[in-house]
Amino acid sequence: DRRVVGFYPRDHLLVSGYIEGESALAWHPAMIWLKKGKGQLVLYGFNPQFRASTPGTYKLLFNGLLLPGLD
C-alpha cells in the first residue's frame, strides 16, 4: 500500500533563490507514504528540517514521525 501525499507543481517551482534541474522536479512526488512489512515509511523529496528553522514544514516532519504509532 502506498500513497503520494504531495506533488511538486508543474511550473513556477521557484519562488525565490536558485534551482537547478527544475524540469526533473516538475509534477513528481514531493512526499510519499508507504507500508513495508510491519512498518510504515514517509519519504520526502525535500529536507523538511532544512537549517532547523522551517515552521512551515514542522507539521510534515512531526506527522511523519508520529504516523507509524497510530496503528
N, C-alpha and C. Protein backbone atom coordinates (compact mmCIF):
# COMPACT_ATOMS: atom_id res chain seq x y z
N ASP A 1 0.85 -1.18 0.00
CA ASP A 1 0.00 0.00 0.00
C ASP A 1 0.89 1.24 0.00
N ARG A 2 0.59 2.19 -0.86
CA ARG A 2 1.36 3.43 -0.90
C ARG A 2 0.49 4.56 -1.43
N ARG A 3 0.85 5.76 -1.04
CA ARG A 3 0.11 6.96 -1.46
C ARG A 3 1.08 8.10 -1.69
N VAL A 4 0.83 8.84 -2.75
CA VAL A 4 1.57 10.08 -2.96
C VAL A 4 0.82 11.16 -2.19
N VAL A 5 1.49 11.75 -1.23
CA VAL A 5 0.86 12.75 -0.35
C VAL A 5 0.90 14.13 -0.99
N GLY A 6 1.97 14.43 -1.72
CA GLY A 6 2.08 15.74 -2.36
C GLY A 6 3.00 15.71 -3.57
N PHE A 7 2.70 16.57 -4.53
CA PHE A 7 3.48 16.70 -5.76
C PHE A 7 4.15 18.06 -5.82
N TYR A 8 5.26 18.12 -6.56
CA TYR A 8 5.80 19.43 -6.94
C TYR A 8 4.90 19.97 -8.05
N PRO A 9 4.71 21.28 -8.14
CA PRO A 9 3.84 21.83 -9.20
C PRO A 9 4.45 21.63 -10.59
N ARG A 10 3.61 21.76 -11.61
CA ARG A 10 4.09 21.61 -12.99
C ARG A 10 5.00 22.76 -13.40
N ASP A 11 4.69 23.94 -12.93
CA ASP A 11 5.51 25.11 -13.27
C ASP A 11 5.58 26.05 -12.08
N HIS A 12 6.39 27.06 -12.18
CA HIS A 12 6.59 28.05 -11.10
C HIS A 12 7.06 27.38 -9.81
N LEU A 13 8.02 26.48 -9.92
CA LEU A 13 8.56 25.80 -8.75
C LEU A 13 9.35 26.73 -7.85
N LEU A 14 10.04 27.68 -8.44
CA LEU A 14 10.92 28.56 -7.69
C LEU A 14 10.20 29.84 -7.30
N VAL A 15 10.11 30.09 -6.02
CA VAL A 15 9.52 31.33 -5.52
C VAL A 15 10.62 32.37 -5.32
N SER A 16 11.74 31.94 -4.77
CA SER A 16 12.90 32.82 -4.63
C SER A 16 14.14 31.95 -4.50
N GLY A 17 15.29 32.52 -4.77
CA GLY A 17 16.54 31.78 -4.64
C GLY A 17 16.99 31.19 -5.95
N TYR A 18 17.50 29.96 -5.91
CA TYR A 18 18.09 29.30 -7.07
C TYR A 18 17.63 27.86 -7.14
N ILE A 19 17.38 27.38 -8.35
CA ILE A 19 17.02 25.98 -8.54
C ILE A 19 17.75 25.44 -9.77
N GLU A 20 18.24 24.24 -9.66
CA GLU A 20 18.91 23.57 -10.77
C GLU A 20 18.17 22.28 -11.05
N GLY A 21 17.90 22.00 -12.30
CA GLY A 21 17.17 20.78 -12.67
C GLY A 21 15.69 20.88 -12.39
N GLU A 22 15.12 22.04 -12.62
CA GLU A 22 13.70 22.27 -12.33
C GLU A 22 12.80 21.27 -13.06
N SER A 23 13.13 20.93 -14.30
CA SER A 23 12.30 20.00 -15.07
C SER A 23 12.28 18.60 -14.45
N ALA A 24 13.32 18.23 -13.73
CA ALA A 24 13.35 16.92 -13.08
C ALA A 24 12.38 16.85 -11.90
N LEU A 25 12.05 17.99 -11.31
CA LEU A 25 11.13 18.02 -10.17
C LEU A 25 9.68 18.19 -10.59
N ALA A 26 9.45 18.89 -11.68
CA ALA A 26 8.09 19.27 -12.08
C ALA A 26 7.16 18.07 -12.15
N TRP A 27 6.07 18.15 -11.40
CA TRP A 27 4.98 17.18 -11.35
C TRP A 27 5.44 15.79 -10.92
N HIS A 28 6.46 15.73 -10.09
CA HIS A 28 6.92 14.48 -9.48
C HIS A 28 6.56 14.50 -8.00
N PRO A 29 6.47 13.34 -7.38
CA PRO A 29 6.09 13.30 -5.95
C PRO A 29 7.08 14.05 -5.06
N ALA A 30 6.53 14.81 -4.12
CA ALA A 30 7.33 15.51 -3.12
C ALA A 30 7.30 14.77 -1.79
N MET A 31 6.25 13.97 -1.59
CA MET A 31 6.11 13.23 -0.34
C MET A 31 5.29 11.97 -0.59
N ILE A 32 5.80 10.83 -0.12
CA ILE A 32 5.15 9.53 -0.35
C ILE A 32 5.04 8.79 0.98
N TRP A 33 3.91 8.17 1.22
CA TRP A 33 3.70 7.30 2.38
C TRP A 33 3.55 5.88 1.85
N LEU A 34 4.21 4.91 2.51
CA LEU A 34 4.05 3.52 2.09
C LEU A 34 4.23 2.57 3.26
N LYS A 35 3.64 1.39 3.11
CA LYS A 35 3.81 0.32 4.10
C LYS A 35 4.88 -0.63 3.59
N LYS A 36 5.72 -1.08 4.50
CA LYS A 36 6.79 -2.03 4.17
C LYS A 36 6.84 -3.05 5.29
N GLY A 37 6.39 -4.25 5.01
CA GLY A 37 6.33 -5.28 6.05
C GLY A 37 5.39 -4.85 7.16
N LYS A 38 5.89 -4.82 8.39
CA LYS A 38 5.08 -4.39 9.54
C LYS A 38 5.21 -2.90 9.81
N GLY A 39 6.04 -2.21 9.03
CA GLY A 39 6.29 -0.79 9.28
C GLY A 39 5.70 0.12 8.23
N GLN A 40 5.91 1.40 8.43
CA GLN A 40 5.47 2.43 7.51
C GLN A 40 6.63 3.38 7.26
N LEU A 41 6.67 3.93 6.06
CA LEU A 41 7.70 4.89 5.69
C LEU A 41 7.05 6.16 5.17
N VAL A 42 7.64 7.27 5.48
CA VAL A 42 7.27 8.55 4.89
C VAL A 42 8.52 9.05 4.19
N LEU A 43 8.45 9.18 2.87
CA LEU A 43 9.59 9.60 2.06
C LEU A 43 9.40 11.04 1.62
N TYR A 44 10.39 11.87 1.86
CA TYR A 44 10.34 13.28 1.49
C TYR A 44 11.27 13.53 0.31
N GLY A 45 10.81 14.30 -0.66
CA GLY A 45 11.64 14.71 -1.78
C GLY A 45 12.29 16.05 -1.51
N PHE A 46 12.34 16.44 -0.26
CA PHE A 46 12.92 17.71 0.18
C PHE A 46 13.38 17.52 1.62
N ASN A 47 14.10 18.45 2.15
CA ASN A 47 14.60 18.34 3.52
C ASN A 47 13.64 19.09 4.45
N PRO A 48 12.76 18.38 5.19
CA PRO A 48 11.75 19.06 5.99
C PRO A 48 12.29 19.81 7.21
N GLN A 49 13.53 19.60 7.59
CA GLN A 49 14.10 20.34 8.72
C GLN A 49 15.29 21.17 8.27
N PHE A 50 15.26 21.66 7.04
CA PHE A 50 16.35 22.44 6.46
C PHE A 50 16.75 23.59 7.38
N ARG A 51 17.98 23.61 7.79
CA ARG A 51 18.55 24.63 8.68
C ARG A 51 17.82 24.73 10.01
N ALA A 52 17.02 23.74 10.34
CA ALA A 52 16.32 23.66 11.62
C ALA A 52 15.46 24.87 11.93
N SER A 53 15.01 25.57 10.92
CA SER A 53 14.17 26.75 11.18
C SER A 53 13.10 26.90 10.10
N THR A 54 12.31 25.86 9.92
CA THR A 54 11.27 25.91 8.90
C THR A 54 9.90 25.60 9.50
N PRO A 55 9.28 26.55 10.17
CA PRO A 55 7.98 26.29 10.80
C PRO A 55 6.92 25.79 9.82
N GLY A 56 7.05 26.14 8.55
CA GLY A 56 6.07 25.70 7.55
C GLY A 56 6.09 24.20 7.31
N THR A 57 7.20 23.54 7.59
CA THR A 57 7.28 22.10 7.34
C THR A 57 7.29 21.28 8.64
N TYR A 58 7.18 21.92 9.78
CA TYR A 58 7.16 21.18 11.05
C TYR A 58 6.03 20.15 11.07
N LYS A 59 4.85 20.51 10.58
CA LYS A 59 3.73 19.57 10.59
C LYS A 59 4.05 18.33 9.76
N LEU A 60 4.66 18.54 8.60
CA LEU A 60 5.02 17.40 7.76
C LEU A 60 6.03 16.50 8.45
N LEU A 61 7.02 17.11 9.07
CA LEU A 61 8.06 16.34 9.76
C LEU A 61 7.48 15.57 10.96
N PHE A 62 6.74 16.25 11.82
CA PHE A 62 6.22 15.60 13.01
C PHE A 62 5.12 14.59 12.69
N ASN A 63 4.30 14.85 11.68
CA ASN A 63 3.31 13.85 11.28
C ASN A 63 4.01 12.59 10.77
N GLY A 64 5.11 12.76 10.05
CA GLY A 64 5.87 11.61 9.58
C GLY A 64 6.48 10.81 10.73
N LEU A 65 6.86 11.49 11.79
CA LEU A 65 7.42 10.81 12.96
C LEU A 65 6.34 10.11 13.78
N LEU A 66 5.17 10.72 13.89
CA LEU A 66 4.12 10.19 14.75
C LEU A 66 3.18 9.22 14.05
N LEU A 67 3.06 9.30 12.74
CA LEU A 67 2.12 8.47 11.98
C LEU A 67 2.29 6.97 12.23
N PRO A 68 3.50 6.43 12.21
CA PRO A 68 3.63 4.98 12.41
C PRO A 68 3.07 4.48 13.74
N GLY A 69 2.99 5.30 14.75
CA GLY A 69 2.48 4.88 16.05
C GLY A 69 0.97 4.85 16.13
N LEU A 70 0.27 5.25 15.07
CA LEU A 70 -1.18 5.33 15.11
C LEU A 70 -1.87 3.99 14.87
N ASP A 71 -1.17 3.02 14.32
CA ASP A 71 -1.79 1.71 14.04
C ASP A 71 -2.00 0.90 15.29
